[in-house]
C-alpha atoms as a PDB file:
ATOM      1  CA  MET A   1      27.335  32.635 -44.186  1.00  0.00           C
ATOM      2  CA  LYS A   2      29.573  30.139 -42.396  1.00  0.00           C
ATOM      3  CA  THR A   3      28.809  31.894 -39.135  1.00  0.00           C
ATOM      4  CA  LEU A   4      25.075  31.523 -39.786  1.00  0.00           C
ATOM      5  CA  VAL A   5      25.440  27.814 -40.577  1.00  0.00           C
ATOM      6  CA  ILE A   6      27.482  27.238 -37.419  1.00  0.00           C
ATOM      7  CA  LEU A   7      24.931  29.105 -35.303  1.00  0.00           C
ATOM      8  CA  SER A   8      22.123  27.035 -36.828  1.00  0.00           C
ATOM      9  CA  MET A   9      23.961  23.808 -36.010  1.00  0.00           C
ATOM     10  CA  ILE A  10      24.510  24.959 -32.415  1.00  0.00           C
ATOM     11  CA  VAL A  11      20.781  25.722 -32.053  1.00  0.00           C
ATOM     12  CA  ILE A  12      19.878  22.256 -33.407  1.00  0.00           C
ATOM     13  CA  ILE A  13      22.361  20.535 -31.074  1.00  0.00           C
ATOM     14  CA  LEU A  14      21.154  22.473 -28.055  1.00  0.00           C
ATOM     15  CA  GLY A  15      17.553  21.741 -28.969  1.00  0.00           C
ATOM     16  CA  PHE A  16      18.300  18.032 -29.272  1.00  0.00           C
ATOM     17  CA  ALA A  17      20.128  18.071 -25.945  1.00  0.00           C
ATOM     18  CA  ALA A  18      17.183  19.822 -24.311  1.00  0.00           C
ATOM     19  CA  CYS A  19      14.814  17.179 -25.663  1.00  0.00           C
ATOM     20  CA  LYS A  20      17.047  14.424 -24.321  1.00  0.00           C
ATOM     21  CA  GLN A  21      17.191  16.167 -20.960  1.00  0.00           C
ATOM     22  CA  ASN A  22      13.381  16.391 -20.863  1.00  0.00           C
ATOM     23  CA  ASP A  23      13.132  12.676 -21.675  1.00  0.00           C
ATOM     24  CA  ASN A  24      15.547  11.844 -18.884  1.00  0.00           C
ATOM     25  CA  THR A  25      13.674  13.912 -16.330  1.00  0.00           C
ATOM     26  CA  PHE A  26      10.225  12.494 -17.135  1.00  0.00           C
ATOM     27  CA  PHE A  27       8.530  10.912 -14.162  1.00  0.00           C
ATOM     28  CA  PRO A  28       4.797  10.106 -14.146  1.00  0.00           C
ATOM     29  CA  GLU A  29       2.830  12.605 -12.093  1.00  0.00           C
ATOM     30  CA  GLN A  30       0.331   9.865 -11.297  1.00  0.00           C
ATOM     31  CA  LEU A  31       2.839   8.283  -8.889  1.00  0.00           C
ATOM     32  CA  ALA A  32       3.242  11.436  -6.824  1.00  0.00           C
ATOM     33  CA  ASN A  33      -0.523  11.993  -6.878  1.00  0.00           C
ATOM     34  CA  LEU A  34      -1.210   8.445  -5.676  1.00  0.00           C
ATOM     35  CA  ASN A  35       1.343   8.778  -2.888  1.00  0.00           C
ATOM     36  CA  THR A  36      -0.321  12.005  -1.774  1.00  0.00           C
ATOM     37  CA  GLU A  37      -3.807  10.478  -1.847  1.00  0.00           C
ATOM     38  CA  LEU A  38      -2.708   7.403   0.101  1.00  0.00           C
ATOM     39  CA  SER A  39      -1.031   9.602   2.689  1.00  0.00           C
ATOM     40  CA  ALA A  40      -4.194  11.667   3.073  1.00  0.00           C
ATOM     41  CA  SER A  41      -6.381   8.570   3.475  1.00  0.00           C
ATOM     42  CA  PHE A  42      -4.122   7.004   6.085  1.00  0.00           C
ATOM     43  CA  ASP A  43      -3.493  10.296   7.870  1.00  0.00           C
ATOM     44  CA  SER A  44      -7.233  10.579   8.452  1.00  0.00           C
ATOM     45  CA  LEU A  45      -7.460   6.987   9.691  1.00  0.00           C
ATOM     46  CA  ASN A  46      -4.395   7.335  11.904  1.00  0.00           C
ATOM     47  CA  THR A  47      -5.757  10.493  13.483  1.00  0.00           C
ATOM     48  CA  ASP A  48      -8.983   8.659  14.331  1.00  0.00           C
ATOM     49  CA  LEU A  49      -7.108   5.655  15.728  1.00  0.00           C
ATOM     50  CA  SER A  50      -4.698   7.759  17.758  1.00  0.00           C
ATOM     51  CA  THR A  51      -7.511   9.875  19.198  1.00  0.00           C
ATOM     52  CA  SER A  52      -9.484   6.752  20.070  1.00  0.00           C
ATOM     53  CA  ALA A  53      -6.478   5.130  21.757  1.00  0.00           C
ATOM     54  CA  VAL A  54      -6.033   8.174  23.986  1.00  0.00           C
ATOM     55  CA  ASN A  55      -9.765   8.351  24.696  1.00  0.00           C
ATOM     56  CA  LEU A  56      -9.960   4.723  25.790  1.00  0.00           C
ATOM     57  CA  VAL A  57      -7.160   4.919  28.363  1.00  0.00           C
ATOM     58  CA  SER A  58      -9.636   6.080  31.004  1.00  0.00           C
ATOM     59  CA  LYS A  59     -12.369   3.696  29.794  1.00  0.00           C
ATOM     60  CA  ILE A  60     -10.421   0.494  29.320  1.00  0.00           C
ATOM     61  CA  ASP A  61     -12.714  -1.451  31.685  1.00  0.00           C
ATOM     62  CA  ASP A  62     -15.895  -0.052  30.124  1.00  0.00           C
ATOM     63  CA  THR A  63     -16.810  -2.500  27.365  1.00  0.00           C
ATOM     64  CA  ALA A  64     -19.841  -0.437  26.363  1.00  0.00           C
ATOM     65  CA  ALA A  65     -17.648   2.620  25.829  1.00  0.00           C
ATOM     66  CA  ILE A  66     -15.111   0.591  23.838  1.00  0.00           C
ATOM     67  CA  ARG A  67     -17.841  -0.860  21.606  1.00  0.00           C
ATOM     68  CA  ALA A  68     -19.319   2.595  21.077  1.00  0.00           C
ATOM     69  CA  ARG A  69     -15.894   3.806  19.969  1.00  0.00           C
ATOM     70  CA  MET A  70     -15.498   0.884  17.525  1.00  0.00           C
ATOM     71  CA  LYS A  71     -18.943   1.648  16.087  1.00  0.00           C
ATOM     72  CA  ALA A  72     -18.067   5.311  15.683  1.00  0.00           C
ATOM     73  CA  LEU A  73     -14.841   4.432  13.886  1.00  0.00           C
ATOM     74  CA  PHE A  74     -16.638   2.114  11.504  1.00  0.00           C
ATOM     75  CA  ALA A  75     -19.374   4.674  10.815  1.00  0.00           C
ATOM     76  CA  GLN A  76     -16.859   7.180   9.493  1.00  0.00           C
ATOM     77  CA  THR A  77     -14.439   4.946   7.598  1.00  0.00           C
ATOM     78  CA  THR A  78     -14.241   4.843   3.820  1.00  0.00           C
ATOM     79  CA  PHE A  79     -12.274   1.615   3.384  1.00  0.00           C
ATOM     80  CA  VAL A  80     -11.797  -0.271   6.687  1.00  0.00           C
ATOM     81  CA  VAL A  81     -13.946  -3.428   6.970  1.00  0.00           C
ATOM     82  CA  GLU A  82     -13.454  -4.087  10.691  1.00  0.00           C
ATOM     83  CA  PHE A  83     -12.324  -2.334  13.857  1.00  0.00           C
ATOM     84  CA  SER A  84     -11.452  -4.269  16.977  1.00  0.00           C
ATOM     85  CA  TYR A  85     -10.165  -3.771  20.481  1.00  0.00           C
ATOM     86  CA  VAL A  86      -7.431  -6.303  21.211  1.00  0.00           C
ATOM     87  CA  ASN A  87      -6.698  -6.766  24.911  1.00  0.00           C
ATOM     88  CA  PRO A  88      -3.136  -7.015  26.336  1.00  0.00           C
ATOM     89  CA  GLN A  89      -3.262 -10.820  26.008  1.00  0.00           C
ATOM     90  CA  GLY A  90      -3.832 -10.506  22.257  1.00  0.00           C
ATOM     91  CA  ILE A  91      -7.523 -11.484  22.337  1.00  0.00           C
ATOM     92  CA  MET A  92      -9.941  -9.760  19.942  1.00  0.00           C
ATOM     93  CA  GLN A  93     -12.326  -8.746  22.704  1.00  0.00           C
ATOM     94  CA  ILE A  94     -14.653  -6.264  20.969  1.00  0.00           C
ATOM     95  CA  ILE A  95     -15.335  -6.097  17.222  1.00  0.00           C
ATOM     96  CA  GLU A  96     -17.466  -3.994  14.900  1.00  0.00           C
ATOM     97  CA  PRO A  97     -19.405  -4.371  12.617  1.00  0.00           C
ATOM     98  CA  PRO A  98     -21.677  -7.271  13.662  1.00  0.00           C
ATOM     99  CA  VAL A  99     -20.833  -9.392  10.614  1.00  0.00           C
ATOM    100  CA  TYR A 100     -17.495 -10.172  12.299  1.00  0.00           C
ATOM    101  CA  TYR A 101     -18.847 -10.906  15.783  1.00  0.00           C
ATOM    102  CA  PRO A 102     -18.045 -14.636  15.304  1.00  0.00           C
ATOM    103  CA  THR A 103     -14.330 -13.814  15.512  1.00  0.00           C
ATOM    104  CA  GLN A 104     -14.668 -12.095  18.916  1.00  0.00           C
ATOM    105  CA  GLY A 105     -12.601 -13.984  21.461  1.00  0.00           C
ATOM    106  CA  THR A 106     -10.020 -15.111  18.906  1.00  0.00           C
ATOM    107  CA  ASP A 107      -6.413 -15.156  20.071  1.00  0.00           C
ATOM    108  CA  ILE A 108      -4.201 -13.245  17.613  1.00  0.00           C
ATOM    109  CA  SER A 109      -1.319 -12.735  20.021  1.00  0.00           C
ATOM    110  CA  GLN A 110       1.151 -14.504  17.715  1.00  0.00           C
ATOM    111  CA  GLN A 111       0.499 -12.300  14.701  1.00  0.00           C
ATOM    112  CA  SER A 112       3.698 -10.389  13.980  1.00  0.00           C
ATOM    113  CA  HIS A 113       2.080  -6.939  13.946  1.00  0.00           C
ATOM    114  CA  ILE A 114       0.465  -7.555  17.350  1.00  0.00           C
ATOM    115  CA  ILE A 115       3.807  -8.600  18.811  1.00  0.00           C
ATOM    116  CA  GLN A 116       5.544  -5.607  17.253  1.00  0.00           C
ATOM    117  CA  THR A 117       3.087  -2.940  18.402  1.00  0.00           C
ATOM    118  CA  PHE A 118       2.878  -4.330  21.948  1.00  0.00           C
ATOM    119  CA  GLN A 119       6.671  -4.535  22.207  1.00  0.00           C
ATOM    120  CA  THR A 120       7.474  -1.140  20.661  1.00  0.00           C
ATOM    121  CA  LYS A 121       4.328   0.630  21.935  1.00  0.00           C
ATOM    122  CA  LEU A 122       4.119   2.246  18.495  1.00  0.00           C
ATOM    123  CA  PRO A 123       1.612   2.022  15.611  1.00  0.00           C
ATOM    124  CA  VAL A 124       2.194  -0.605  12.915  1.00  0.00           C
ATOM    125  CA  LEU A 125       1.016  -1.097   9.345  1.00  0.00           C
ATOM    126  CA  SER A 126       1.161  -4.825   8.730  1.00  0.00           C
ATOM    127  CA  LYS A 127       2.075  -6.641   5.569  1.00  0.00           C
ATOM    128  CA  SER A 128      -0.671  -8.512   3.780  1.00  0.00           C
ATOM    129  CA  PHE A 129      -1.613 -11.650   5.739  1.00  0.00           C
ATOM    130  CA  TYR A 130      -4.389 -14.227   5.970  1.00  0.00           C
ATOM    131  CA  ALA A 131      -6.696 -12.867   8.653  1.00  0.00           C
ATOM    132  CA  VAL A 132      -8.820 -14.917  11.049  1.00  0.00           C
ATOM    133  CA  GLU A 133     -11.798 -13.476   9.172  1.00  0.00           C
ATOM    134  CA  ASN A 134     -10.766 -15.827   6.336  1.00  0.00           C
ATOM    135  CA  PHE A 135      -9.430 -13.436   3.712  1.00  0.00           C
ATOM    136  CA  TYR A 136      -6.167 -11.701   2.908  1.00  0.00           C
ATOM    137  CA  ALA A 137      -5.934  -8.223   4.389  1.00  0.00           C
ATOM    138  CA  ALA A 138      -3.674  -5.726   6.126  1.00  0.00           C
ATOM    139  CA  VAL A 139      -4.096  -4.018   9.470  1.00  0.00           C
ATOM    140  CA  ASP A 140      -3.289  -0.592  10.849  1.00  0.00           C
ATOM    141  CA  ILE A 141      -2.912  -0.991  14.615  1.00  0.00           C
ATOM    142  CA  HIS A 142      -2.434   1.619  17.339  1.00  0.00           C
ATOM    143  CA  PRO A 143      -1.510   0.571  20.890  1.00  0.00           C
ATOM    144  CA  ILE A 144      -3.363   1.932  23.900  1.00  0.00           C
ATOM    145  CA  VAL A 145      -0.637   2.980  26.340  1.00  0.00           C
ATOM    146  CA  ASN A 146      -0.873   4.537  29.778  1.00  0.00           C
ATOM    147  CA  ASN A 147       2.299   5.481  31.687  1.00  0.00           C
ATOM    148  CA  GLY A 148       4.295   2.943  29.717  1.00  0.00           C
ATOM    149  CA  GLU A 149       1.804   0.110  30.228  1.00  0.00           C
ATOM    150  CA  VAL A 150       0.149  -1.440  27.181  1.00  0.00           C
ATOM    151  CA  LEU A 151      -3.602  -1.686  27.761  1.00  0.00           C
ATOM    152  CA  GLY A 152      -4.309  -3.252  24.398  1.00  0.00           C
ATOM    153  CA  GLY A 153      -4.655  -1.936  20.885  1.00  0.00           C
ATOM    154  CA  ILE A 154      -7.133  -0.820  18.237  1.00  0.00           C
ATOM    155  CA  THR A 155      -6.911  -2.594  14.888  1.00  0.00           C
ATOM    156  CA  ALA A 156      -8.283  -1.367  11.576  1.00  0.00           C
ATOM    157  CA  LEU A 157      -8.557  -4.280   9.132  1.00  0.00           C
ATOM    158  CA  PHE A 158      -8.764  -3.456   5.426  1.00  0.00           C
ATOM    159  CA  LEU A 159      -8.231  -4.933   1.974  1.00  0.00           C
ATOM    160  CA  PRO A 160      -5.389  -3.077   0.233  1.00  0.00           C
ATOM    161  CA  GLU A 161      -6.963  -3.687  -3.183  1.00  0.00           C
ATOM    162  CA  THR A 162     -10.065  -1.792  -2.073  1.00  0.00           C
ATOM    163  CA  ILE A 163      -8.396   1.507  -1.253  1.00  0.00           C
ATOM    164  CA  LEU A 164      -5.865   1.131  -4.070  1.00  0.00           C
ATOM    165  CA  GLY A 165      -8.492   0.275  -6.659  1.00  0.00           C
ATOM    166  CA  ARG A 166     -10.641   3.206  -5.617  1.00  0.00           C
ATOM    167  CA  LEU A 167      -7.728   5.585  -6.178  1.00  0.00           C
ATOM    168  CA  ILE A 168      -6.205   3.983  -9.274  1.00  0.00           C
ATOM    169  CA  ARG A 169      -9.159   2.961 -11.456  1.00  0.00           C
ATOM    170  CA  PRO A 170     -10.298   6.507 -12.336  1.00  0.00           C
ATOM    171  CA  VAL A 171      -6.713   7.466 -13.203  1.00  0.00           C
ATOM    172  CA  VAL A 172      -5.984   4.597 -15.607  1.00  0.00           C
ATOM    173  CA  GLU A 173      -9.420   4.404 -17.249  1.00  0.00           C
ATOM    174  CA  ASN A 174      -9.067   4.730 -21.051  1.00  0.00           C
ATOM    175  CA  GLN A 175      -5.313   5.374 -20.727  1.00  0.00           C
ATOM    176  CA  VAL A 176      -2.414   3.590 -22.422  1.00  0.00           C
ATOM    177  CA  PHE A 177      -0.502   3.302 -19.153  1.00  0.00           C
ATOM    178  CA  GLU A 178      -1.260   0.981 -16.218  1.00  0.00           C
ATOM    179  CA  MET A 179      -0.508   1.024 -12.511  1.00  0.00           C
ATOM    180  CA  TRP A 180       0.070  -1.830 -10.098  1.00  0.00           C
ATOM    181  CA  ILE A 181       1.205  -2.040  -6.499  1.00  0.00           C
ATOM    182  CA  MET A 182       3.638  -4.422  -4.816  1.00  0.00           C
ATOM    183  CA  GLU A 183       4.469  -4.545  -1.135  1.00  0.00           C
ATOM    184  CA  LYS A 184       8.152  -4.849  -0.261  1.00  0.00           C
ATOM    185  CA  GLY A 185       8.905  -8.539  -0.495  1.00  0.00           C
ATOM    186  CA  GLY A 186       7.111  -9.126  -3.785  1.00  0.00           C
ATOM    187  CA  LYS A 187       3.410  -9.619  -3.038  1.00  0.00           C
ATOM    188  CA  VAL A 188       1.075  -7.915  -5.508  1.00  0.00           C
ATOM    189  CA  LEU A 189      -1.444  -5.773  -3.613  1.00  0.00           C
ATOM    190  CA  TYR A 190      -3.240  -4.374  -6.659  1.00  0.00           C
ATOM    191  CA  ASP A 191      -3.234  -5.063 -10.389  1.00  0.00           C
ATOM    192  CA  GLN A 192      -5.671  -4.362 -13.199  1.00  0.00           C
ATOM    193  CA  ASP A 193      -5.531  -8.104 -13.859  1.00  0.00           C
ATOM    194  CA  ALA A 194      -7.330  -9.165 -10.671  1.00  0.00           C
ATOM    195  CA  ASP A 195      -5.925 -12.698 -10.970  1.00  0.00           C
ATOM    196  CA  GLU A 196      -2.478 -11.346 -10.083  1.00  0.00           C
ATOM    197  CA  ILE A 197      -3.545  -9.798  -6.773  1.00  0.00           C
ATOM    198  CA  GLY A 198      -2.058 -11.796  -3.901  1.00  0.00           C
ATOM    199  CA  ARG A 199       0.635 -13.476  -6.006  1.00  0.00           C
ATOM    200  CA  ASN A 200       4.288 -13.049  -5.091  1.00  0.00           C
ATOM    201  CA  LEU A 201       6.546 -12.112  -7.985  1.00  0.00           C
ATOM    202  CA  PHE A 202       9.530 -13.929  -6.507  1.00  0.00           C
ATOM    203  CA  THR A 203       7.809 -17.239  -5.756  1.00  0.00           C
ATOM    204  CA  ASP A 204       4.754 -17.636  -8.015  1.00  0.00           C
ATOM    205  CA  SER A 205       5.158 -19.893 -11.052  1.00  0.00           C
ATOM    206  CA  LEU A 206       3.335 -17.348 -13.264  1.00  0.00           C
ATOM    207  CA  TYR A 207       6.455 -15.191 -13.290  1.00  0.00           C
ATOM    208  CA  THR A 208       9.191 -17.851 -13.344  1.00  0.00           C
ATOM    209  CA  ASP A 209       9.981 -17.596 -17.063  1.00  0.00           C
ATOM    210  CA  PHE A 210      10.049 -13.781 -17.136  1.00  0.00           C
ATOM    211  CA  THR A 211      13.629 -13.095 -16.086  1.00  0.00           C
ATOM    212  CA  GLU A 212      13.445  -9.404 -17.039  1.00  0.00           C
ATOM    213  CA  LEU A 213      10.390  -8.959 -14.818  1.00  0.00           C
ATOM    214  CA  LEU A 214      12.109 -10.702 -11.914  1.00  0.00           C
ATOM    215  CA  ALA A 215      15.184  -8.504 -12.321  1.00  0.00           C
ATOM    216  CA  ALA A 216      12.979  -5.402 -12.460  1.00  0.00           C
ATOM    217  CA  ALA A 217      11.071  -6.549  -9.381  1.00  0.00           C
ATOM    218  CA  GLU A 218      14.329  -6.988  -7.458  1.00  0.00           C
ATOM    219  CA  LYS A 219      15.343  -3.453  -8.378  1.00  0.00           C
ATOM    220  CA  ILE A 220      11.922  -2.041  -7.484  1.00  0.00           C
ATOM    221  CA  ASP A 221      11.959  -3.942  -4.188  1.00  0.00           C
ATOM    222  CA  THR A 222      15.320  -2.544  -3.074  1.00  0.00           C
ATOM    223  CA  GLU A 223      15.269   1.020  -4.433  1.00  0.00           C
ATOM    224  CA  VAL A 224      12.980   3.876  -3.388  1.00  0.00           C
ATOM    225  CA  SER A 225      12.249   5.071  -6.924  1.00  0.00           C
ATOM    226  CA  GLY A 226      13.532   4.758 -10.455  1.00  0.00           C
ATOM    227  CA  GLU A 227      12.837   3.436 -13.926  1.00  0.00           C
ATOM    228  CA  THR A 228      13.416   0.212 -15.825  1.00  0.00           C
ATOM    229  CA  THR A 229      11.868  -2.032 -18.486  1.00  0.00           C
ATOM    230  CA  TYR A 230      10.628  -5.605 -18.513  1.00  0.00           C
ATOM    231  CA  SER A 231       8.657  -8.016 -20.677  1.00  0.00           C
ATOM    232  CA  PHE A 232       5.338  -9.460 -19.568  1.00  0.00           C
ATOM    233  CA  TYR A 233       1.814 -10.098 -20.768  1.00  0.00           C
ATOM    234  CA  GLN A 234      -0.234  -7.147 -21.941  1.00  0.00           C
ATOM    235  CA  THR A 235      -3.097  -6.645 -19.494  1.00  0.00           C
ATOM    236  CA  GLY A 236      -6.007  -8.971 -20.215  1.00  0.00           C
ATOM    237  CA  THR A 237      -4.141 -10.903 -22.929  1.00  0.00           C
ATOM    238  CA  THR A 238      -1.465 -13.542 -23.403  1.00  0.00           C
ATOM    239  CA  ASN A 239       0.523 -11.264 -25.724  1.00  0.00           C
ATOM    240  CA  LYS A 240       4.006 -10.448 -24.462  1.00  0.00           C
ATOM    241  CA  VAL A 241       5.065  -6.798 -24.619  1.00  0.00           C
ATOM    242  CA  VAL A 242       7.951  -4.683 -23.346  1.00  0.00           C
ATOM    243  CA  LYS A 243       6.833  -2.277 -20.638  1.00  0.00           C
ATOM    244  CA  LYS A 244       8.542   0.975 -19.722  1.00  0.00           C
ATOM    245  CA  THR A 245       8.340   1.208 -15.950  1.00  0.00           C
ATOM    246  CA  TYR A 246       8.614   3.904 -13.304  1.00  0.00           C
ATOM    247  CA  TRP A 247       8.076   3.473  -9.586  1.00  0.00           C
ATOM    248  CA  SER A 248       8.059   5.287  -6.266  1.00  0.00           C
ATOM    249  CA  THR A 249       7.517   4.141  -2.671  1.00  0.00           C
ATOM    250  CA  PHE A 250       4.707   4.796  -0.205  1.00  0.00           C
ATOM    251  CA  GLU A 251       5.965   4.248   3.341  1.00  0.00           C
ATOM    252  CA  MET A 252       4.062   4.153   6.627  1.00  0.00           C
ATOM    253  CA  TYR A 253       5.430   3.007   9.984  1.00  0.00           C
ATOM    254  CA  GLY A 254       8.299   1.298   8.162  1.00  0.00           C
ATOM    255  CA  THR A 255       6.082  -0.732   5.821  1.00  0.00           C
ATOM    256  CA  GLU A 256       6.646  -0.033   2.127  1.00  0.00           C
ATOM    257  CA  TRP A 257       4.286  -0.223  -0.832  1.00  0.00           C
ATOM    258  CA  LYS A 258       5.847   0.071  -4.289  1.00  0.00           C
ATOM    259  CA  LEU A 259       3.725   2.235  -6.603  1.00  0.00           C
ATOM    260  CA  ILE A 260       4.424   1.158 -10.182  1.00  0.00           C
ATOM    261  CA  TRP A 261       3.516   2.878 -13.484  1.00  0.00           C
ATOM    262  CA  VAL A 262       3.945   0.941 -16.728  1.00  0.00           C
ATOM    263  CA  LYS A 263       3.388   1.669 -20.414  1.00  0.00           C
ATOM    264  CA  PRO A 264       3.900  -0.723 -23.347  1.00  0.00           C
ATOM    265  CA  GLU A 265       6.703   0.470 -25.615  1.00  0.00           C
END
């Protein structure tokens, strides 16, 4: 009888330990899925940009051919709002679609991503910035290079919240969990509370009094993935709740987006 009791206790202890182990190994599948979907979307865009950059090497003086290429890129995109050819002096020489023609001829040579791609001769995904088109956006830029000489670059301007919202909204609809995205450095690229998009967690007064959130944001900003908790408003309300949080990192050309999954405890 004693042997049976002891065996029963061992089974209970092992079962409890297994449950604890399962809890500790939980990581939301939605984060991996989002990373995969973002990679697929940008892989398609980057293939188009890279192919176009190679194609234009022999046509760099043919403005009609360059414009035709910009039109073709725009016709097949799912989230880019503008394509442009930027000449070696950093001038936006040819732009599509027509709604952005007024910005043709604008000098963007001092934008950090233009400087970086022309200096390194490598593609760049910019951080969010205020574009000359008068809205916050990000740009995926590929240089046009021939025998080591930079002949310009092709830029793909897009709103991060557009592609992120398209991928996230169907996943979180009618769910108890939420997802939001922060670029490295603290700027919110996507949130279900649209008012938070564009705010910086480390500098915006909205977050000043939420020390747990700021500590969590620091951890998220510096680590590739992990879990933590913080207190903040429940989405769409002014009620404060504790949120269990998991995150991973989407990285492209050295630029990092923090993919964050939260659930009120």
